[in-house]
Structure formats: C-alpha cells, structure tokens
C-alpha cells in the first residue's frame, strides 16, 4: 500500500508540473496575442 501511495504522489506531482507549464504557455500566448491586437490594429 505504501508503494502505491508513493507512486500516486509522484504521478500527481508530475501531472501538476505539466499542467503548470501548459497553463503558463496559454497565459503568455494570450497576453502576447492581446498586446498585438491592441497595438497593431489601430
């Protein structure tokens, strides 16, 4: 049982890391796209 919990914790940690990287990519892309629309389309 302890081995299962250890593997589950490691999987959750890895999943959180991937989600965090993807979230930052989406946020930065959205910010850059917004700035381009604000400053270019005038």
N, C-alpha and C. Protein backbone atom coordinates (compact mmCIF):
# COMPACT_ATOMS: atom_id res chain seq x y z
N UNK A 1 0.83 -1.21 0.00
CA UNK A 1 0.00 0.00 0.00
C UNK A 1 0.86 1.26 0.00
N UNK A 2 1.97 1.21 0.73
CA UNK A 2 2.85 2.38 0.80
C UNK A 2 3.47 2.67 -0.57
N UNK A 3 3.81 1.60 -1.31
CA UNK A 3 4.39 1.78 -2.64
C UNK A 3 3.38 2.43 -3.58
N UNK A 4 2.11 2.02 -3.46
CA UNK A 4 1.06 2.61 -4.30
C UNK A 4 0.91 4.10 -4.02
N UNK A 5 0.91 4.46 -2.74
CA UNK A 5 0.76 5.88 -2.39
C UNK A 5 1.96 6.69 -2.87
N UNK A 6 3.14 6.09 -2.79
CA UNK A 6 4.34 6.80 -3.25
C UNK A 6 4.28 7.04 -4.76
N UNK A 7 3.87 6.01 -5.52
CA UNK A 7 3.75 6.17 -6.97
C UNK A 7 2.64 7.16 -7.32
N UNK A 8 1.52 7.12 -6.59
CA UNK A 8 0.42 8.05 -6.86
C UNK A 8 0.86 9.48 -6.60
N UNK A 9 1.60 9.69 -5.53
CA UNK A 9 2.10 11.03 -5.23
C UNK A 9 3.05 11.54 -6.29
N UNK A 10 3.92 10.66 -6.77
CA UNK A 10 4.85 11.06 -7.83
C UNK A 10 4.11 11.39 -9.11
N UNK A 11 3.09 10.60 -9.45
CA UNK A 11 2.29 10.86 -10.65
C UNK A 11 1.53 12.18 -10.52
N UNK A 12 0.98 12.44 -9.34
CA UNK A 12 0.26 13.70 -9.13
C UNK A 12 1.21 14.89 -9.24
N UNK A 13 2.42 14.74 -8.71
CA UNK A 13 3.41 15.81 -8.78
C UNK A 13 3.80 16.09 -10.24
N UNK A 14 4.02 15.02 -11.01
CA UNK A 14 4.37 15.18 -12.43
C UNK A 14 3.23 15.82 -13.20
N UNK A 15 2.00 15.37 -12.94
CA UNK A 15 0.84 15.93 -13.62
C UNK A 15 0.69 17.41 -13.30
N UNK A 16 0.91 17.78 -12.05
CA UNK A 16 0.82 19.18 -11.66
C UNK A 16 1.88 20.01 -12.38
N UNK A 17 3.08 19.45 -12.54
CA UNK A 17 4.14 20.16 -13.25
C UNK A 17 3.79 20.39 -14.71
N UNK A 18 3.26 19.36 -15.37
CA UNK A 18 2.86 19.51 -16.77
C UNK A 18 1.73 20.52 -16.91
N UNK A 19 0.74 20.46 -15.99
CA UNK A 19 -0.38 21.40 -16.04
C UNK A 19 0.12 22.83 -15.84
N UNK A 20 1.06 23.02 -14.93
CA UNK A 20 1.61 24.35 -14.66
C UNK A 20 2.33 24.91 -15.88
N UNK A 21 3.13 24.05 -16.56
CA UNK A 21 3.83 24.51 -17.77
C UNK A 21 2.85 24.86 -18.87
N UNK A 22 1.82 24.03 -19.05
CA UNK A 22 0.83 24.30 -20.09
C UNK A 22 0.04 25.57 -19.78
N UNK A 23 -0.29 25.77 -18.51
CA UNK A 23 -1.03 26.97 -18.11
C UNK A 23 -0.22 28.23 -18.40
N UNK A 24 1.07 28.21 -18.07
CA UNK A 24 1.91 29.37 -18.35
C UNK A 24 2.02 29.63 -19.84
N UNK A 25 2.10 28.55 -20.65
CA UNK A 25 2.17 28.74 -22.10
C UNK A 25 0.90 29.41 -22.60
N UNK A 26 -0.27 28.96 -22.12
CA UNK A 26 -1.53 29.56 -22.55
C UNK A 26 -1.63 31.02 -22.10
N UNK A 27 -1.23 31.29 -20.86
CA UNK A 27 -1.32 32.66 -20.33
C UNK A 27 -0.40 33.59 -21.12
N UNK A 28 0.84 33.18 -21.35
CA UNK A 28 1.76 34.04 -22.10
C UNK A 28 1.29 34.24 -23.53
N UNK A 29 0.79 33.19 -24.16
CA UNK A 29 0.26 33.31 -25.52
C UNK A 29 -0.92 34.27 -25.58
N UNK A 30 -1.80 34.19 -24.59
CA UNK A 30 -2.96 35.08 -24.55
C UNK A 30 -2.52 36.53 -24.36
N UNK A 31 -1.55 36.75 -23.48
CA UNK A 31 -1.07 38.12 -23.24
C UNK A 31 -0.41 38.69 -24.49
N UNK A 32 0.43 37.89 -25.14
CA UNK A 32 1.11 38.37 -26.35
C UNK A 32 0.09 38.66 -27.45
N UNK A 33 -0.89 37.77 -27.62
CA UNK A 33 -1.92 37.97 -28.63
C UNK A 33 -2.72 39.23 -28.33
N UNK A 34 -3.06 39.46 -27.07
CA UNK A 34 -3.82 40.65 -26.70
C UNK A 34 -3.02 41.92 -26.98
N UNK A 35 -1.74 41.90 -26.66
CA UNK A 35 -0.91 43.08 -26.89
C UNK A 35 -0.77 43.36 -28.38
N UNK A 36 -0.65 42.32 -29.18
CA UNK A 36 -0.56 42.52 -30.62
C UNK A 36 -1.86 43.13 -31.14
N UNK A 37 -3.00 42.63 -30.67
CA UNK A 37 -4.28 43.18 -31.13
C UNK A 37 -4.45 44.63 -30.68
N UNK A 38 -3.98 44.96 -29.50
CA UNK A 38 -4.14 46.33 -29.00
C UNK A 38 -3.25 47.30 -29.77
N UNK A 39 -1.98 46.94 -29.96
CA UNK A 39 -1.02 47.89 -30.52
C UNK A 39 -0.94 47.88 -32.04
N UNK A 40 -1.30 46.77 -32.69
CA UNK A 40 -1.14 46.69 -34.14
C UNK A 40 -2.40 47.15 -34.85
N UNK A 41 -3.57 46.80 -34.32
CA UNK A 41 -4.82 47.14 -35.02
C UNK A 41 -5.34 48.50 -34.54
N UNK A 42 -4.65 49.55 -34.93
CA UNK A 42 -5.13 50.90 -34.58
C UNK A 42 -5.30 51.74 -35.82
